[in-house]
């Protein structure tokens, strides 16, 4: 028997036909045009969540389009998207499943000005001020990039080390605390390197 690729499920159509399909491909097909509104990272994470649910939690490789669609709606709602009725893989034109969220993007490196020797002292104060500014508009999603570069810059590190990882984790925890301190409901925080 041929082994199924780890990113694939066997999709069972209403006609009874079955075929292997990557979870990300069927996710994009079911979401339709709304997939273009989401970042590639969000689409990948949504597909991975659905795949994980069926494979790891349910122990299933064969899934009907209706079952996949139902779980996909739940996952999208978990990611903070309002979900309308999803189309099926047999429909070519489907309504977008997710409404366009209010997304704020920022680079952590740009939040922290160059201050020789004082970066560690001003880091958290600057992060708090910038988070306050970003959260004023009550975004649905806050995407912060450049964390890895910021950590290396603050520590004057050439290579990633345990000390870098520790500071990385502390900054992420601090950003979560800043988010929790605001009365912004349903705001997702995405922090990338």
Protein backbone atom coordinates (compact mmCIF):
# COMPACT_ATOMS: atom_id res chain seq x y z
CA UNK A 1 0.00 0.00 0.00
CA UNK A 2 1.23 3.48 -0.83
CA UNK A 3 1.76 5.64 2.22
CA UNK A 4 -0.25 8.88 2.41
CA UNK A 5 1.76 12.12 2.54
CA UNK A 6 1.74 13.58 6.11
CA UNK A 7 0.02 16.79 4.91
CA UNK A 8 -2.77 14.96 3.05
CA UNK A 9 -6.16 13.54 3.86
CA UNK A 10 -8.29 11.33 1.65
CA UNK A 11 -11.26 13.48 0.70
CA UNK A 12 -14.53 11.66 0.08
CA UNK A 13 -16.86 13.45 -2.32
CA UNK A 14 -20.66 13.16 -2.10
CA UNK A 15 -20.50 11.02 -5.26
CA UNK A 16 -18.43 8.46 -3.32
CA UNK A 17 -15.22 9.28 -5.19
CA UNK A 18 -12.14 9.49 -2.97
CA UNK A 19 -8.81 11.18 -3.63
CA UNK A 20 -5.80 12.30 -1.59
CA UNK A 21 -5.54 16.04 -1.16
CA UNK A 22 -3.26 18.29 0.91
CA UNK A 23 -5.19 19.89 3.78
CA UNK A 24 -4.03 23.35 2.72
CA UNK A 25 -5.38 22.90 -0.82
CA UNK A 26 -8.85 21.83 0.31
CA UNK A 27 -8.82 24.64 2.91
CA UNK A 28 -8.13 27.28 0.24
CA UNK A 29 -10.75 25.74 -2.06
CA UNK A 30 -13.42 25.78 0.64
CA UNK A 31 -12.63 29.27 1.91
CA UNK A 32 -12.67 30.65 -1.61
CA UNK A 33 -11.79 34.28 -2.25
CA UNK A 34 -11.47 35.00 1.48
CA UNK A 35 -8.19 33.03 1.49
CA UNK A 36 -6.60 35.95 -0.38
CA UNK A 37 -7.48 38.22 2.57
CA UNK A 38 -5.58 36.03 5.02
CA UNK A 39 -1.84 35.75 5.35
CA UNK A 40 -0.27 32.55 4.06
CA UNK A 41 0.74 31.78 7.62
CA UNK A 42 -2.87 31.93 8.86
CA UNK A 43 -4.09 29.69 6.02
CA UNK A 44 -1.29 27.20 6.76
CA UNK A 45 -2.10 27.20 10.48
CA UNK A 46 -5.82 26.73 9.85
CA UNK A 47 -5.13 23.80 7.51
CA UNK A 48 -2.68 22.29 10.00
CA UNK A 49 -5.27 22.56 12.79
CA UNK A 50 -7.91 20.74 10.74
CA UNK A 51 -5.39 18.09 9.69
CA UNK A 52 -4.30 17.63 13.31
CA UNK A 53 -7.90 17.25 14.44
CA UNK A 54 -8.72 14.47 11.99
CA UNK A 55 -5.35 12.69 12.05
CA UNK A 56 -4.27 12.94 15.67
CA UNK A 57 -7.47 13.44 17.64
CA UNK A 58 -9.87 11.33 15.56
CA UNK A 59 -7.35 8.91 14.02
CA UNK A 60 -8.91 9.29 10.57
CA UNK A 61 -7.43 9.68 7.11
CA UNK A 62 -10.70 9.55 5.11
CA UNK A 63 -12.91 12.62 5.54
CA UNK A 64 -15.98 13.82 3.68
CA UNK A 65 -16.05 17.35 2.28
CA UNK A 66 -18.93 18.17 4.65
CA UNK A 67 -16.96 16.99 7.70
CA UNK A 68 -13.87 18.91 6.63
CA UNK A 69 -15.97 22.02 6.01
CA UNK A 70 -17.63 21.80 9.43
CA UNK A 71 -14.32 21.51 11.30
CA UNK A 72 -12.81 24.24 9.10
CA UNK A 73 -15.58 26.64 10.17
CA UNK A 74 -14.86 25.92 13.84
CA UNK A 75 -11.12 26.48 13.37
CA UNK A 76 -11.67 29.74 11.47
CA UNK A 77 -13.89 30.99 14.28
CA UNK A 78 -11.15 30.01 16.72
CA UNK A 79 -8.74 32.17 14.72
CA UNK A 80 -11.13 35.10 15.09
CA UNK A 81 -12.75 35.12 11.64
CA UNK A 82 -16.49 35.48 11.27
CA UNK A 83 -17.61 32.58 9.17
CA UNK A 84 -20.44 32.49 6.70
CA UNK A 85 -21.53 29.36 4.89
CA UNK A 86 -18.58 27.62 3.30
CA UNK A 87 -18.88 26.35 -0.23
CA UNK A 88 -17.86 22.84 -1.16
CA UNK A 89 -15.07 21.67 -3.38
CA UNK A 90 -17.58 21.05 -6.15
CA UNK A 91 -18.64 24.70 -6.30
CA UNK A 92 -16.36 26.95 -8.32
CA UNK A 93 -17.67 30.27 -6.99
CA UNK A 94 -18.31 30.34 -3.28
CA UNK A 95 -18.97 33.18 -0.91
CA UNK A 96 -16.00 34.26 1.16
CA UNK A 97 -16.07 32.46 4.49
CA UNK A 98 -14.30 35.13 6.45
CA UNK A 99 -14.90 38.84 6.65
CA UNK A 100 -11.90 41.11 6.31
CA UNK A 101 -10.49 41.54 9.82
CA UNK A 102 -8.84 44.68 11.15
CA UNK A 103 -5.17 43.71 11.16
CA UNK A 104 -2.36 45.89 12.49
CA UNK A 105 1.21 45.06 11.42
CA UNK A 106 4.34 46.34 13.08
CA UNK A 107 8.03 45.53 13.25
CA UNK A 108 9.42 45.15 16.75
CA UNK A 109 12.83 46.33 15.53
CA UNK A 110 11.30 49.65 14.50
CA UNK A 111 9.65 50.04 17.91
CA UNK A 112 13.01 50.13 19.65
CA UNK A 113 15.21 53.11 18.72
CA UNK A 114 18.99 52.75 18.58
CA UNK A 115 20.34 53.68 21.98
CA UNK A 116 23.84 52.40 22.61
CA UNK A 117 24.05 50.54 25.90
CA UNK A 118 20.53 51.47 26.96
CA UNK A 119 18.48 49.06 24.87
CA UNK A 120 17.85 46.63 27.70
CA UNK A 121 16.79 49.48 29.98
CA UNK A 122 14.28 51.01 27.57
CA UNK A 123 13.07 47.85 25.83
CA UNK A 124 9.96 47.10 27.87
CA UNK A 125 8.94 50.72 28.27
CA UNK A 126 9.10 51.24 24.49
CA UNK A 127 7.22 47.99 23.86
CA UNK A 128 4.44 49.07 26.24
CA UNK A 129 4.10 52.49 24.54
CA UNK A 130 4.00 50.94 21.06
CA UNK A 131 1.49 48.28 22.13
CA UNK A 132 -0.73 51.00 23.62
CA UNK A 133 -0.65 52.84 20.27
CA UNK A 134 -1.36 49.70 18.21
CA UNK A 135 -4.22 48.58 20.44
CA UNK A 136 -6.03 51.95 20.43
CA UNK A 137 -7.98 50.93 17.31
CA UNK A 138 -9.08 47.60 18.83
CA UNK A 139 -7.71 45.42 16.01
CA UNK A 140 -8.87 41.84 15.44
CA UNK A 141 -5.31 40.73 14.88
CA UNK A 142 -1.97 42.25 15.82
CA UNK A 143 1.01 40.96 13.82
CA UNK A 144 4.44 41.78 15.16
CA UNK A 145 7.48 40.75 13.15
CA UNK A 146 11.23 41.09 13.66
CA UNK A 147 11.43 39.60 17.16
CA UNK A 148 14.52 37.53 16.43
CA UNK A 149 16.45 40.50 15.07
CA UNK A 150 15.37 42.65 17.99
CA UNK A 151 16.56 40.07 20.52
CA UNK A 152 19.94 39.72 18.83
CA UNK A 153 20.29 43.50 18.64
CA UNK A 154 19.45 44.02 22.32
CA UNK A 155 21.90 41.32 23.42
CA UNK A 156 24.54 42.25 20.80
CA UNK A 157 24.52 38.60 19.74
CA UNK A 158 25.86 37.28 16.44
CA UNK A 159 24.29 33.84 16.87
CA UNK A 160 21.14 32.62 18.53
CA UNK A 161 21.83 31.31 22.04
CA UNK A 162 19.97 30.20 25.16
CA UNK A 163 20.22 33.76 26.44
CA UNK A 164 18.54 34.92 23.21
CA UNK A 165 15.79 32.33 23.60
CA UNK A 166 15.20 33.40 27.20
CA UNK A 167 14.84 37.06 26.22
CA UNK A 168 12.66 36.04 23.25
CA UNK A 169 10.30 34.18 25.59
CA UNK A 170 10.26 37.07 28.07
CA UNK A 171 9.34 39.56 25.34
CA UNK A 172 6.52 37.34 24.04
CA UNK A 173 5.19 36.95 27.58
CA UNK A 174 5.40 40.71 28.11
CA UNK A 175 3.54 41.38 24.84
CA UNK A 176 0.80 39.00 25.99
CA UNK A 177 0.58 40.85 29.30
CA UNK A 178 0.28 44.17 27.42
CA UNK A 179 -2.53 42.69 25.33
CA UNK A 180 -4.31 41.35 28.42
CA UNK A 181 -3.98 44.73 30.15
CA UNK A 182 -6.08 46.34 27.39
CA UNK A 183 -9.79 45.73 27.18
CA UNK A 184 -9.47 44.52 23.58
CA UNK A 185 -11.68 41.50 23.17
CA UNK A 186 -10.91 38.80 20.62
CA UNK A 187 -7.61 40.28 19.49
CA UNK A 188 -5.14 37.68 18.25
CA UNK A 189 -1.43 38.29 18.75
CA UNK A 190 0.95 36.85 16.15
CA UNK A 191 4.66 37.32 16.85
CA UNK A 192 7.18 36.18 14.25
CA UNK A 193 10.95 36.25 13.87
